[in-house]
PDB file of N, CA and C in Angstrom:
ATOM      1  N   MET A   1     -88.527  27.123 -58.392  1.00  0.00           N
ATOM      2  CA  MET A   1     -86.937  25.997 -58.868  1.00  0.00           C
ATOM      3  C   MET A   1     -86.380  27.092 -60.040  1.00  0.00           C
ATOM      4  N   GLU A   2     -85.695  26.010 -59.760  1.00  0.00           N
ATOM      5  CA  GLU A   2     -84.460  26.870 -61.447  1.00  0.00           C
ATOM      6  C   GLU A   2     -84.454  25.808 -62.097  1.00  0.00           C
ATOM      7  N   LYS A   3     -83.701  26.043 -63.302  1.00  0.00           N
ATOM      8  CA  LYS A   3     -84.069  25.956 -64.746  1.00  0.00           C
ATOM      9  C   LYS A   3     -84.120  24.345 -64.141  1.00  0.00           C
ATOM     10  N   ASP A   4     -82.758  23.753 -63.855  1.00  0.00           N
ATOM     11  CA  ASP A   4     -82.297  22.789 -63.282  1.00  0.00           C
ATOM     12  C   ASP A   4     -82.805  21.877 -62.067  1.00  0.00           C
ATOM     13  N   PRO A   5     -83.829  21.918 -62.411  1.00  0.00           N
ATOM     14  CA  PRO A   5     -84.682  20.585 -61.623  1.00  0.00           C
ATOM     15  C   PRO A   5     -83.861  19.910 -60.595  1.00  0.00           C
ATOM     16  N   PHE A   6     -83.029  18.984 -61.092  1.00  0.00           N
ATOM     17  CA  PHE A   6     -81.690  18.440 -60.113  1.00  0.00           C
ATOM     18  C   PHE A   6     -81.348  19.483 -59.605  1.00  0.00           C
ATOM     19  N   ALA A   7     -81.084  20.494 -60.136  1.00  0.00           N
ATOM     20  CA  ALA A   7     -79.390  21.742 -59.422  1.00  0.00           C
ATOM     21  C   ALA A   7     -80.383  22.262 -58.058  1.00  0.00           C
ATOM     22  N   GLN A   8     -81.874  21.978 -58.762  1.00  0.00           N
ATOM     23  CA  GLN A   8     -82.350  22.407 -57.181  1.00  0.00           C
ATOM     24  C   GLN A   8     -82.655  21.699 -55.672  1.00  0.00           C
ATOM     25  N   LEU A   9     -82.350  20.549 -56.168  1.00  0.00           N
ATOM     26  CA  LEU A   9     -82.597  19.131 -55.406  1.00  0.00           C
ATOM     27  C   LEU A   9     -81.473  19.275 -54.705  1.00  0.00           C
ATOM     28  N   ILE A  10     -80.116  19.017 -55.007  1.00  0.00           N
ATOM     29  CA  ILE A  10     -78.699  19.254 -54.301  1.00  0.00           C
ATOM     30  C   ILE A  10     -78.554  20.728 -53.282  1.00  0.00           C
ATOM     31  N   ILE A  11     -79.605  21.568 -54.049  1.00  0.00           N
ATOM     32  CA  ILE A  11     -79.092  22.744 -53.526  1.00  0.00           C
ATOM     33  C   ILE A  11     -80.358  22.280 -51.689  1.00  0.00           C
ATOM     34  N   TRP A  12     -81.125  22.072 -52.393  1.00  0.00           N
ATOM     35  CA  TRP A  12     -81.811  21.430 -51.308  1.00  0.00           C
ATOM     36  C   TRP A  12     -81.836  21.119 -49.573  1.00  0.00           C
ATOM     37  N   HIS A  13     -80.593  19.824 -50.100  1.00  0.00           N
ATOM     38  CA  HIS A  13     -79.560  18.440 -49.762  1.00  0.00           C
ATOM     39  C   HIS A  13     -79.072  19.519 -49.560  1.00  0.00           C
ATOM     40  N   GLN A  14     -77.910  20.159 -50.198  1.00  0.00           N
ATOM     41  CA  GLN A  14     -77.593  21.131 -48.400  1.00  0.00           C
ATOM     42  C   GLN A  14     -77.534  21.498 -48.170  1.00  0.00           C
ATOM     43  N   GLU A  15     -78.985  22.742 -48.148  1.00  0.00           N
ATOM     44  CA  GLU A  15     -79.446  22.987 -46.911  1.00  0.00           C
ATOM     45  C   GLU A  15     -80.532  22.010 -45.790  1.00  0.00           C
ATOM     46  N   GLY A  16     -80.170  20.795 -45.805  1.00  0.00           N
ATOM     47  CA  GLY A  16     -80.725  20.221 -44.642  1.00  0.00           C
ATOM     48  C   GLY A  16     -81.975  19.887 -45.325  1.00  0.00           C
ATOM     49  N   GLU A  17     -83.126  20.490 -46.857  1.00  0.00           N
ATOM     50  CA  GLU A  17     -84.040  21.019 -46.922  1.00  0.00           C
ATOM     51  C   GLU A  17     -84.543  18.837 -47.568  1.00  0.00           C
ATOM     52  N   HIS A  18     -84.604  18.069 -46.438  1.00  0.00           N
ATOM     53  CA  HIS A  18     -85.123  16.662 -46.964  1.00  0.00           C
ATOM     54  C   HIS A  18     -86.226  16.795 -47.185  1.00  0.00           C
ATOM     55  N   LYS A  19     -87.664  16.651 -46.300  1.00  0.00           N
ATOM     56  CA  LYS A  19     -88.539  16.593 -47.187  1.00  0.00           C
ATOM     57  C   LYS A  19     -89.243  17.685 -47.839  1.00  0.00           C
ATOM     58  N   LYS A  20     -88.449  18.727 -48.425  1.00  0.00           N
ATOM     59  CA  LYS A  20     -88.783  19.302 -49.774  1.00  0.00           C
ATOM     60  C   LYS A  20     -87.837  18.408 -50.885  1.00  0.00           C
ATOM     61  N   ILE A  21     -87.285  17.847 -50.962  1.00  0.00           N
ATOM     62  CA  ILE A  21     -86.268  16.807 -51.632  1.00  0.00           C
ATOM     63  C   ILE A  21     -87.226  15.985 -52.084  1.00  0.00           C
ATOM     64  N   VAL A  22     -88.062  15.289 -50.920  1.00  0.00           N
ATOM     65  CA  VAL A  22     -88.668  14.319 -50.806  1.00  0.00           C
ATOM     66  C   VAL A  22     -90.214  14.298 -51.473  1.00  0.00           C
ATOM     67  N   ASP A  23     -90.851  15.501 -51.131  1.00  0.00           N
ATOM     68  CA  ASP A  23     -92.232  16.140 -51.967  1.00  0.00           C
ATOM     69  C   ASP A  23     -91.925  15.878 -52.852  1.00  0.00           C
ATOM     70  N   ARG A  24     -91.293  16.751 -53.717  1.00  0.00           N
ATOM     71  CA  ARG A  24     -90.260  17.113 -54.812  1.00  0.00           C
ATOM     72  C   ARG A  24     -90.625  16.238 -55.720  1.00  0.00           C
ATOM     73  N   ILE A  25     -89.528  14.896 -55.670  1.00  0.00           N
ATOM     74  CA  ILE A  25     -89.526  13.518 -56.570  1.00  0.00           C
ATOM     75  C   ILE A  25     -90.988  12.628 -56.303  1.00  0.00           C
ATOM     76  N   MET A  26     -91.525  12.947 -55.506  1.00  0.00           N
ATOM     77  CA  MET A  26     -92.647  12.208 -55.238  1.00  0.00           C
ATOM     78  C   MET A  26     -93.639  12.807 -56.695  1.00  0.00           C
ATOM     79  N   GLU A  27     -93.520  13.593 -56.761  1.00  0.00           N
ATOM     80  CA  GLU A  27     -94.491  14.284 -57.854  1.00  0.00           C
ATOM     81  C   GLU A  27     -94.117  13.807 -58.579  1.00  0.00           C
ATOM     82  N   ILE A  28     -92.835  13.099 -59.384  1.00  0.00           N
ATOM     83  CA  ILE A  28     -92.266  12.387 -59.814  1.00  0.00           C
ATOM     84  C   ILE A  28     -92.929  11.364 -60.472  1.00  0.00           C
ATOM     85  N   PRO A  29     -93.342  10.958 -61.363  1.00  0.00           N
ATOM     86  CA  PRO A  29     -93.844   9.619 -61.846  1.00  0.00           C
ATOM     87  C   PRO A  29     -92.988   8.326 -61.682  1.00  0.00           C
ATOM     88  N   GLN A  30     -93.121   7.140 -60.996  1.00  0.00           N
ATOM     89  CA  GLN A  30     -91.161   6.246 -61.078  1.00  0.00           C
ATOM     90  C   GLN A  30     -91.147   5.970 -62.133  1.00  0.00           C
ATOM     91  N   SER A  31     -91.438   6.334 -63.012  1.00  0.00           N
ATOM     92  CA  SER A  31     -91.101   5.456 -64.331  1.00  0.00           C
ATOM     93  C   SER A  31     -90.177   6.877 -64.719  1.00  0.00           C
ATOM     94  N   ASP A  32     -90.008   7.715 -64.564  1.00  0.00           N
ATOM     95  CA  ASP A  32     -89.775   9.077 -65.074  1.00  0.00           C
ATOM     96  C   ASP A  32     -88.856   9.042 -64.391  1.00  0.00           C
ATOM     97  N   ARG A  33     -88.590   8.351 -63.114  1.00  0.00           N
ATOM     98  CA  ARG A  33     -86.788   8.903 -62.246  1.00  0.00           C
ATOM     99  C   ARG A  33     -85.917   8.696 -61.828  1.00  0.00           C
ATOM    100  N   ASN A  34     -84.777   8.631 -62.396  1.00  0.00           N
ATOM    101  CA  ASN A  34     -83.718   7.874 -63.002  1.00  0.00           C
ATOM    102  C   ASN A  34     -82.616   7.289 -61.629  1.00  0.00           C
ATOM    103  N   TYR A  35     -81.391   6.625 -61.394  1.00  0.00           N
ATOM    104  CA  TYR A  35     -80.976   6.746 -60.562  1.00  0.00           C
ATOM    105  C   TYR A  35     -80.685   7.352 -59.885  1.00  0.00           C
ATOM    106  N   ASP A  36     -80.282   8.725 -60.485  1.00  0.00           N
ATOM    107  CA  ASP A  36     -79.815   9.831 -59.694  1.00  0.00           C
ATOM    108  C   ASP A  36     -80.510  10.403 -58.231  1.00  0.00           C
ATOM    109  N   THR A  37     -81.652  10.232 -59.853  1.00  0.00           N
ATOM    110  CA  THR A  37     -82.804  11.284 -58.422  1.00  0.00           C
ATOM    111  C   THR A  37     -83.537  10.007 -57.471  1.00  0.00           C
ATOM    112  N   VAL A  38     -83.602   9.228 -57.944  1.00  0.00           N
ATOM    113  CA  VAL A  38     -83.329   7.970 -56.328  1.00  0.00           C
ATOM    114  C   VAL A  38     -83.155   7.823 -55.493  1.00  0.00           C
ATOM    115  N   ASN A  39     -81.628   8.519 -56.297  1.00  0.00           N
ATOM    116  CA  ASN A  39     -80.144   8.181 -54.344  1.00  0.00           C
ATOM    117  C   ASN A  39     -80.839   9.094 -53.822  1.00  0.00           C
ATOM    118  N   LEU A  40     -80.823  10.651 -54.684  1.00  0.00           N
ATOM    119  CA  LEU A  40     -81.291  11.460 -53.826  1.00  0.00           C
ATOM    120  C   LEU A  40     -82.296  11.432 -52.877  1.00  0.00           C
ATOM    121  N   LEU A  41     -83.607  10.871 -53.348  1.00  0.00           N
ATOM    122  CA  LEU A  41     -84.470  10.803 -52.724  1.00  0.00           C
ATOM    123  C   LEU A  41     -84.256   9.958 -51.710  1.00  0.00           C
ATOM    124  N   ALA A  42     -83.816   9.002 -51.768  1.00  0.00           N
ATOM    125  CA  ALA A  42     -83.533   7.679 -50.609  1.00  0.00           C
ATOM    126  C   ALA A  42     -82.240   8.607 -49.621  1.00  0.00           C
ATOM    127  N   ARG A  43     -81.951   9.112 -50.142  1.00  0.00           N
ATOM    128  CA  ARG A  43     -81.028  10.256 -48.894  1.00  0.00           C
ATOM    129  C   ARG A  43     -81.489  10.998 -48.034  1.00  0.00           C
ATOM    130  N   ALA A  44     -82.579  11.586 -49.001  1.00  0.00           N
ATOM    131  CA  ALA A  44     -83.777  12.766 -47.857  1.00  0.00           C
ATOM    132  C   ALA A  44     -84.454  11.694 -47.132  1.00  0.00           C
ATOM    133  N   MET A  45     -84.804  10.098 -47.288  1.00  0.00           N
ATOM    134  CA  MET A  45     -85.708   9.758 -46.959  1.00  0.00           C
ATOM    135  C   MET A  45     -85.382   9.232 -45.539  1.00  0.00           C
ATOM    136  N   ASN A  46     -83.912   8.797 -46.228  1.00  0.00           N
ATOM    137  CA  ASN A  46     -82.886   8.503 -44.709  1.00  0.00           C
ATOM    138  C   ASN A  46     -83.053   9.254 -43.590  1.00  0.00           C
ATOM    139  N   ASN A  47     -82.034  10.846 -44.336  1.00  0.00           N
ATOM    140  CA  ASN A  47     -82.397  11.728 -43.373  1.00  0.00           C
ATOM    141  C   ASN A  47     -83.649  12.165 -42.265  1.00  0.00           C
ATOM    142  N   LEU A  48     -84.719  12.144 -43.043  1.00  0.00           N
ATOM    143  CA  LEU A  48     -86.026  11.983 -42.280  1.00  0.00           C
ATOM    144  C   LEU A  48     -86.429  10.606 -40.757  1.00  0.00           C
ATOM    145  N   GLU A  49     -85.421  10.110 -41.050  1.00  0.00           N
ATOM    146  CA  GLU A  49     -85.603   9.315 -40.625  1.00  0.00           C
ATOM    147  C   GLU A  49     -86.131   7.790 -41.165  1.00  0.00           C
ATOM    148  N   ARG A  50     -86.645   8.020 -42.403  1.00  0.00           N
ATOM    149  CA  ARG A  50     -87.685   6.877 -42.658  1.00  0.00           C
ATOM    150  C   ARG A  50     -86.786   5.615 -43.857  1.00  0.00           C
ATOM    151  N   TYR A  51     -86.565   4.906 -42.679  1.00  0.00           N
ATOM    152  CA  TYR A  51     -85.884   3.925 -43.500  1.00  0.00           C
ATOM    153  C   TYR A  51     -86.227   2.869 -44.159  1.00  0.00           C
ATOM    154  N   ASP A  52     -87.342   2.160 -44.112  1.00  0.00           N
ATOM    155  CA  ASP A  52     -88.289   1.534 -44.566  1.00  0.00           C
ATOM    156  C   ASP A  52     -88.224   1.417 -46.158  1.00  0.00           C
ATOM    157  N   GLU A  53     -88.458   3.615 -46.192  1.00  0.00           N
ATOM    158  CA  GLU A  53     -88.760   4.220 -47.690  1.00  0.00           C
ATOM    159  C   GLU A  53     -88.050   4.194 -48.418  1.00  0.00           C
ATOM    160  N   ALA A  54     -86.356   4.500 -47.361  1.00  0.00           N
ATOM    161  CA  ALA A  54     -85.532   4.999 -48.526  1.00  0.00           C
ATOM    162  C   ALA A  54     -85.110   3.574 -48.840  1.00  0.00           C
ATOM    163  N   LEU A  55     -85.193   2.365 -47.754  1.00  0.00           N
ATOM    164  CA  LEU A  55     -84.647   1.192 -48.852  1.00  0.00           C
ATOM    165  C   LEU A  55     -85.541   0.486 -49.643  1.00  0.00           C
ATOM    166  N   GLN A  56     -86.876   0.629 -49.310  1.00  0.00           N
ATOM    167  CA  GLN A  56     -87.631   0.963 -50.791  1.00  0.00           C
ATOM    168  C   GLN A  56     -87.014   1.481 -52.692  1.00  0.00           C
ATOM    169  N   GLN A  57     -86.640   2.223 -51.720  1.00  0.00           N
ATOM    170  CA  GLN A  57     -86.579   3.534 -53.150  1.00  0.00           C
ATOM    171  C   GLN A  57     -85.675   2.916 -53.200  1.00  0.00           C
ATOM    172  N   LEU A  58     -84.111   2.347 -52.684  1.00  0.00           N
ATOM    173  CA  LEU A  58     -82.926   1.833 -53.524  1.00  0.00           C
ATOM    174  C   LEU A  58     -82.709   0.190 -54.142  1.00  0.00           C
ATOM    175  N   LEU A  59     -83.994  -0.546 -53.607  1.00  0.00           N
ATOM    176  CA  LEU A  59     -84.166  -1.727 -53.764  1.00  0.00           C
ATOM    177  C   LEU A  59     -84.126  -1.461 -56.031  1.00  0.00           C
ATOM    178  N   THR A  60     -85.294  -0.457 -56.121  1.00  0.00           N
ATOM    179  CA  THR A  60     -85.934  -0.255 -57.066  1.00  0.00           C
ATOM    180  C   THR A  60     -84.134  -0.030 -57.688  1.00  0.00           C
ATOM    181  N   ILE A  61     -83.645   0.169 -57.449  1.00  0.00           N
ATOM    182  CA  ILE A  61     -82.269   0.510 -58.872  1.00  0.00           C
ATOM    183  C   ILE A  61     -81.409  -0.660 -58.450  1.00  0.00           C
ATOM    184  N   ALA A  62     -80.957  -0.859 -57.533  1.00  0.00           N
ATOM    185  CA  ALA A  62     -80.242  -1.667 -56.711  1.00  0.00           C
ATOM    186  C   ALA A  62     -79.156  -2.549 -58.214  1.00  0.00           C
ATOM    187  N   LYS A  63     -79.714  -2.770 -58.873  1.00  0.00           N
ATOM    188  CA  LYS A  63     -78.497  -3.221 -60.117  1.00  0.00           C
ATOM    189  C   LYS A  63     -77.850  -2.410 -60.494  1.00  0.00           C
ATOM    190  N   LEU A  64     -78.537  -1.218 -60.662  1.00  0.00           N
ATOM    191  CA  LEU A  64     -78.180   0.175 -61.076  1.00  0.00           C
ATOM    192  C   LEU A  64     -76.394  -0.025 -60.345  1.00  0.00           C
ATOM    193  N   GLY A  65     -76.155   0.037 -59.285  1.00  0.00           N
ATOM    194  CA  GLY A  65     -76.157   0.279 -57.860  1.00  0.00           C
ATOM    195  C   GLY A  65     -74.616  -0.642 -57.334  1.00  0.00           C
ATOM    196  N   GLU A  66     -74.437  -1.891 -58.633  1.00  0.00           N
ATOM    197  CA  GLU A  66     -73.933  -2.396 -57.955  1.00  0.00           C
ATOM    198  C   GLU A  66     -72.457  -2.934 -57.855  1.00  0.00           C
ATOM    199  N   ASN A  67     -71.870  -0.926 -58.815  1.00  0.00           N
ATOM    200  CA  ASN A  67     -70.623  -1.413 -58.513  1.00  0.00           C
ATOM    201  C   ASN A  67     -70.185   1.070 -58.578  1.00  0.00           C
ATOM    202  N   ASP A  68     -71.612   1.299 -57.503  1.00  0.00           N
ATOM    203  CA  ASP A  68     -71.152   2.763 -57.504  1.00  0.00           C
ATOM    204  C   ASP A  68     -70.914   2.829 -55.990  1.00  0.00           C
ATOM    205  N   PRO A  69     -69.282   3.531 -55.911  1.00  0.00           N
ATOM    206  CA  PRO A  69     -68.824   3.127 -54.554  1.00  0.00           C
ATOM    207  C   PRO A  69     -70.003   4.368 -53.357  1.00  0.00           C
ATOM    208  N   LEU A  70     -70.969   4.774 -53.966  1.00  0.00           N
ATOM    209  CA  LEU A  70     -71.539   5.354 -53.379  1.00  0.00           C
ATOM    210  C   LEU A  70     -72.702   5.261 -52.342  1.00  0.00           C
TER     211      LEU A  70
END
């Protein structure tokens, strides 16, 4: 993985490697995940048709995303 782990996650997203994204982020303790990381995790889960899990992730950051148009 690159020096910036988030950059690697973005690369995997662009390459359609959604399972790699989920696997890597799930290694990070939930308390250490930030808003952007949880968003990327939920997006990867959605792309893997893991809709309920994606929704649960988004609910953990719902307040933070109230004004986020994305």
